Amino acid sequence: MPTFTDILIQIGIGGVPLGVAYLAFRSATDANRKGQQTALLQVERQAELERSKVDAEAFVRAKTIYEDALNQMEKQLARMQGQADQVTADLAGEQTASTAMRDQIRLLQAQIRALERTVVTLRAQLLAAGLAPAPTSETTGPYQLRHPPQTG
């Protein structure tokens, strides 16, 4: 009959493979879990890389659209500046013409006043000489125009 020691030795010898099997099971389970975690991390990295690619492509498209819009706005601004320069030049020309016309009007008004003084002087001279001046007319001013005789 086996002794207690023999039984313990047999249990010990039988337990060692069970312990080793348990340790192998734990190692395999840990390795499998780590493998899954690694695979999951790899999938997450791949997804992040894809998102980065999509974000980069979207950024490039947005940048292109923005640059095109900016170029169009710069061209429009240049056109508007050209038009503003043209309007400024036109305005300067109009102001010059307006000043010249004002000066011409002042000159003509001065000539009219001088002519009116001359007319007054001539009327006074006619009256002093005993002559009657020509009657005034609304259409011709103080002098009537003589029309040539009409034949017909």
C-alpha atoms as a PDB file:
ATOM      1  CA  MET A   1       0.000   0.000   0.000  1.00  0.00           C
ATOM      2  CA  PRO A   2       1.301   3.268  -0.888  1.00  0.00           C
ATOM      3  CA  THR A   3       2.303   5.491   1.896  1.00  0.00           C
ATOM      4  CA  PHE A   4       1.151   8.937   2.592  1.00  0.00           C
ATOM      5  CA  THR A   5       4.414  10.295   1.295  1.00  0.00           C
ATOM      6  CA  ASP A   6       4.070   8.377  -1.925  1.00  0.00           C
ATOM      7  CA  ILE A   7       0.583   9.744  -2.387  1.00  0.00           C
ATOM      8  CA  LEU A   8       1.833  13.268  -1.758  1.00  0.00           C
ATOM      9  CA  ILE A   9       4.633  12.760  -4.239  1.00  0.00           C
ATOM     10  CA  GLN A  10       2.200  11.433  -6.834  1.00  0.00           C
ATOM     11  CA  ILE A  11      -0.154  14.361  -6.171  1.00  0.00           C
ATOM     12  CA  GLY A  12       2.814  16.728  -6.420  1.00  0.00           C
ATOM     13  CA  ILE A  13       3.993  15.098  -9.643  1.00  0.00           C
ATOM     14  CA  GLY A  14       0.414  15.198 -11.015  1.00  0.00           C
ATOM     15  CA  GLY A  15      -0.041  18.788  -9.823  1.00  0.00           C
ATOM     16  CA  VAL A  16       3.072  20.052 -11.581  1.00  0.00           C
ATOM     17  CA  PRO A  17       1.667  19.387 -15.052  1.00  0.00           C
ATOM     18  CA  LEU A  18      -1.602  20.978 -13.934  1.00  0.00           C
ATOM     19  CA  GLY A  19       0.315  24.046 -12.719  1.00  0.00           C
ATOM     20  CA  VAL A  20       2.316  24.138 -15.909  1.00  0.00           C
ATOM     21  CA  ALA A  21      -0.904  23.742 -17.940  1.00  0.00           C
ATOM     22  CA  TYR A  22      -2.508  26.541 -15.921  1.00  0.00           C
ATOM     23  CA  LEU A  23       0.531  28.797 -16.474  1.00  0.00           C
ATOM     24  CA  ALA A  24       0.497  27.959 -20.182  1.00  0.00           C
ATOM     25  CA  PHE A  25      -3.225  28.726 -20.316  1.00  0.00           C
ATOM     26  CA  ARG A  26      -2.643  32.078 -18.550  1.00  0.00           C
ATOM     27  CA  SER A  27       0.252  32.916 -20.856  1.00  0.00           C
ATOM     28  CA  ALA A  28      -1.790  32.022 -23.923  1.00  0.00           C
ATOM     29  CA  THR A  29      -4.745  34.040 -22.631  1.00  0.00           C
ATOM     30  CA  ASP A  30      -2.503  37.050 -21.898  1.00  0.00           C
ATOM     31  CA  ALA A  31      -0.774  36.704 -25.257  1.00  0.00           C
ATOM     32  CA  ASN A  32      -4.165  36.466 -27.001  1.00  0.00           C
ATOM     33  CA  ARG A  33      -5.436  39.522 -25.116  1.00  0.00           C
ATOM     34  CA  LYS A  34      -2.266  41.440 -25.972  1.00  0.00           C
ATOM     35  CA  GLY A  35      -2.576  40.310 -29.568  1.00  0.00           C
ATOM     36  CA  GLN A  36      -6.162  41.546 -29.668  1.00  0.00           C
ATOM     37  CA  GLN A  37      -5.132  44.822 -28.047  1.00  0.00           C
ATOM     38  CA  THR A  38      -2.301  45.178 -30.551  1.00  0.00           C
ATOM     39  CA  ALA A  39      -4.666  44.402 -33.415  1.00  0.00           C
ATOM     40  CA  LEU A  40      -7.193  46.864 -32.012  1.00  0.00           C
ATOM     41  CA  LEU A  41      -4.493  49.535 -31.656  1.00  0.00           C
ATOM     42  CA  GLN A  42      -3.343  48.808 -35.178  1.00  0.00           C
ATOM     43  CA  VAL A  43      -6.912  49.157 -36.467  1.00  0.00           C
ATOM     44  CA  GLU A  44      -7.284  52.409 -34.510  1.00  0.00           C
ATOM     45  CA  ARG A  45      -3.991  53.700 -35.915  1.00  0.00           C
ATOM     46  CA  GLN A  46      -5.097  52.746 -39.419  1.00  0.00           C
ATOM     47  CA  ALA A  47      -8.440  54.485 -38.876  1.00  0.00           C
ATOM     48  CA  GLU A  48      -6.630  57.556 -37.518  1.00  0.00           C
ATOM     49  CA  LEU A  49      -4.304  57.481 -40.520  1.00  0.00           C
ATOM     50  CA  GLU A  50      -7.314  57.316 -42.855  1.00  0.00           C
ATOM     51  CA  ARG A  51      -8.979  60.188 -40.986  1.00  0.00           C
ATOM     52  CA  SER A  52      -5.744  62.143 -41.275  1.00  0.00           C
ATOM     53  CA  LYS A  53      -5.655  61.465 -45.019  1.00  0.00           C
ATOM     54  CA  VAL A  54      -9.270  62.560 -45.386  1.00  0.00           C
ATOM     55  CA  ASP A  55      -8.608  65.643 -43.243  1.00  0.00           C
ATOM     56  CA  ALA A  56      -5.505  66.445 -45.290  1.00  0.00           C
ATOM     57  CA  GLU A  57      -7.445  66.086 -48.552  1.00  0.00           C
ATOM     58  CA  ALA A  58     -10.257  68.254 -47.176  1.00  0.00           C
ATOM     59  CA  PHE A  59      -7.688  70.815 -46.044  1.00  0.00           C
ATOM     60  CA  VAL A  60      -6.081  70.857 -49.497  1.00  0.00           C
ATOM     61  CA  ARG A  61      -9.502  71.299 -51.148  1.00  0.00           C
ATOM     62  CA  ALA A  62     -10.477  74.049 -48.707  1.00  0.00           C
ATOM     63  CA  LYS A  63      -7.105  75.743 -49.180  1.00  0.00           C
ATOM     64  CA  THR A  64      -7.519  75.623 -52.964  1.00  0.00           C
ATOM     65  CA  ILE A  65     -11.031  77.052 -52.735  1.00  0.00           C
ATOM     66  CA  TYR A  66      -9.852  79.753 -50.335  1.00  0.00           C
ATOM     67  CA  GLU A  67      -6.888  80.682 -52.538  1.00  0.00           C
ATOM     68  CA  ASP A  68      -9.113  80.818 -55.647  1.00  0.00           C
ATOM     69  CA  ALA A  69     -11.604  83.039 -53.824  1.00  0.00           C
ATOM     70  CA  LEU A  70      -8.762  85.224 -52.582  1.00  0.00           C
ATOM     71  CA  ASN A  71      -7.341  85.527 -56.109  1.00  0.00           C
ATOM     72  CA  GLN A  72     -10.766  86.466 -57.474  1.00  0.00           C
ATOM     73  CA  MET A  73     -11.210  89.057 -54.732  1.00  0.00           C
ATOM     74  CA  GLU A  74      -7.766  90.505 -55.476  1.00  0.00           C
ATOM     75  CA  LYS A  75      -8.634  90.743 -59.180  1.00  0.00           C
ATOM     76  CA  GLN A  76     -11.963  92.376 -58.345  1.00  0.00           C
ATOM     77  CA  LEU A  77     -10.208  94.794 -55.990  1.00  0.00           C
ATOM     78  CA  ALA A  78      -7.717  95.665 -58.737  1.00  0.00           C
ATOM     79  CA  ARG A  79     -10.613  96.281 -61.163  1.00  0.00           C
ATOM     80  CA  MET A  80     -12.386  98.432 -58.600  1.00  0.00           C
ATOM     81  CA  GLN A  81      -9.210 100.392 -57.926  1.00  0.00           C
ATOM     82  CA  GLY A  82      -8.818 100.945 -61.662  1.00  0.00           C
ATOM     83  CA  GLN A  83     -12.408 102.126 -61.897  1.00  0.00           C
ATOM     84  CA  ALA A  84     -11.901 104.385 -58.871  1.00  0.00           C
ATOM     85  CA  ASP A  85      -8.785 105.843 -60.510  1.00  0.00           C
ATOM     86  CA  GLN A  86     -10.769 106.422 -63.716  1.00  0.00           C
ATOM     87  CA  VAL A  87     -13.610 108.078 -61.788  1.00  0.00           C
ATOM     88  CA  THR A  88     -11.062 110.242 -59.952  1.00  0.00           C
ATOM     89  CA  ALA A  89      -9.486 111.272 -63.248  1.00  0.00           C
ATOM     90  CA  ASP A  90     -12.932 111.961 -64.753  1.00  0.00           C
ATOM     91  CA  LEU A  91     -13.892 113.979 -61.692  1.00  0.00           C
ATOM     92  CA  ALA A  92     -10.691 115.999 -61.903  1.00  0.00           C
ATOM     93  CA  GLY A  93     -11.436 116.687 -65.591  1.00  0.00           C
ATOM     94  CA  GLU A  94     -15.009 117.683 -64.771  1.00  0.00           C
ATOM     95  CA  GLN A  95     -13.811 119.952 -61.979  1.00  0.00           C
ATOM     96  CA  THR A  96     -11.309 121.575 -64.329  1.00  0.00           C
ATOM     97  CA  ALA A  97     -14.020 122.051 -66.960  1.00  0.00           C
ATOM     98  CA  SER A  98     -16.408 123.395 -64.308  1.00  0.00           C
ATOM     99  CA  THR A  99     -13.793 125.874 -63.078  1.00  0.00           C
ATOM    100  CA  ALA A 100     -13.103 126.987 -66.655  1.00  0.00           C
ATOM    101  CA  MET A 101     -16.838 127.439 -67.297  1.00  0.00           C
ATOM    102  CA  ARG A 102     -17.253 129.409 -64.048  1.00  0.00           C
ATOM    103  CA  ASP A 103     -14.375 131.638 -65.083  1.00  0.00           C
ATOM    104  CA  GLN A 104     -15.944 132.070 -68.530  1.00  0.00           C
ATOM    105  CA  ILE A 105     -19.318 132.921 -66.927  1.00  0.00           C
ATOM    106  CA  ARG A 106     -17.661 135.489 -64.667  1.00  0.00           C
ATOM    107  CA  LEU A 107     -15.912 136.995 -67.698  1.00  0.00           C
ATOM    108  CA  LEU A 108     -19.161 137.116 -69.670  1.00  0.00           C
ATOM    109  CA  GLN A 109     -20.998 138.628 -66.687  1.00  0.00           C
ATOM    110  CA  ALA A 110     -18.293 141.285 -66.424  1.00  0.00           C
ATOM    111  CA  GLN A 111     -18.642 141.959 -70.165  1.00  0.00           C
ATOM    112  CA  ILE A 112     -22.433 142.218 -69.785  1.00  0.00           C
ATOM    113  CA  ARG A 113     -22.043 144.716 -66.943  1.00  0.00           C
ATOM    114  CA  ALA A 114     -19.558 146.702 -69.046  1.00  0.00           C
ATOM    115  CA  LEU A 115     -21.955 146.625 -72.014  1.00  0.00           C
ATOM    116  CA  GLU A 116     -24.860 147.669 -69.772  1.00  0.00           C
ATOM    117  CA  ARG A 117     -22.759 150.624 -68.544  1.00  0.00           C
ATOM    118  CA  THR A 118     -21.950 151.448 -72.160  1.00  0.00           C
ATOM    119  CA  VAL A 119     -25.646 151.310 -73.083  1.00  0.00           C
ATOM    120  CA  VAL A 120     -26.525 153.575 -70.164  1.00  0.00           C
ATOM    121  CA  THR A 121     -23.763 155.974 -71.201  1.00  0.00           C
ATOM    122  CA  LEU A 122     -24.904 155.938 -74.850  1.00  0.00           C
ATOM    123  CA  ARG A 123     -28.533 156.484 -73.848  1.00  0.00           C
ATOM    124  CA  ALA A 124     -27.460 159.391 -71.684  1.00  0.00           C
ATOM    125  CA  GLN A 125     -25.458 160.792 -74.602  1.00  0.00           C
ATOM    126  CA  LEU A 126     -28.433 160.354 -76.976  1.00  0.00           C
ATOM    127  CA  LEU A 127     -30.730 162.091 -74.526  1.00  0.00           C
ATOM    128  CA  ALA A 128     -28.174 164.860 -73.964  1.00  0.00           C
ATOM    129  CA  ALA A 129     -27.954 165.303 -77.740  1.00  0.00           C
ATOM    130  CA  GLY A 130     -31.728 165.559 -77.927  1.00  0.00           C
ATOM    131  CA  LEU A 131     -32.289 162.224 -79.631  1.00  0.00           C
ATOM    132  CA  ALA A 132     -34.712 159.504 -78.573  1.00  0.00           C
ATOM    133  CA  PRO A 133     -33.186 156.105 -77.933  1.00  0.00           C
ATOM    134  CA  ALA A 134     -34.683 153.007 -79.514  1.00  0.00           C
ATOM    135  CA  PRO A 135     -37.542 151.473 -77.499  1.00  0.00           C
ATOM    136  CA  THR A 136     -36.746 148.318 -75.477  1.00  0.00           C
ATOM    137  CA  SER A 137     -38.005 144.917 -76.478  1.00  0.00           C
ATOM    138  CA  GLU A 138     -38.250 141.771 -74.399  1.00  0.00           C
ATOM    139  CA  THR A 139     -36.766 139.607 -77.117  1.00  0.00           C
ATOM    140  CA  THR A 140     -33.913 141.853 -78.155  1.00  0.00           C
ATOM    141  CA  GLY A 141     -33.160 143.791 -75.016  1.00  0.00           C
ATOM    142  CA  PRO A 142     -33.003 147.582 -75.220  1.00  0.00           C
ATOM    143  CA  TYR A 143     -32.442 147.524 -79.008  1.00  0.00           C
ATOM    144  CA  GLN A 144     -34.799 146.284 -81.681  1.00  0.00           C
ATOM    145  CA  LEU A 145     -33.339 144.308 -84.490  1.00  0.00           C
ATOM    146  CA  ARG A 146     -34.198 145.548 -87.968  1.00  0.00           C
ATOM    147  CA  HIS A 147     -35.225 142.772 -90.229  1.00  0.00           C
ATOM    148  CA  PRO A 148     -34.452 143.082 -93.936  1.00  0.00           C
ATOM    149  CA  PRO A 149     -37.560 143.756 -96.027  1.00  0.00           C
ATOM    150  CA  GLN A 150     -39.188 140.583 -97.184  1.00  0.00           C
ATOM    151  CA  THR A 151     -39.931 140.194-100.854  1.00  0.00           C
ATOM    152  CA  GLY A 152     -42.529 137.999-101.969  1.00  0.00           C
END
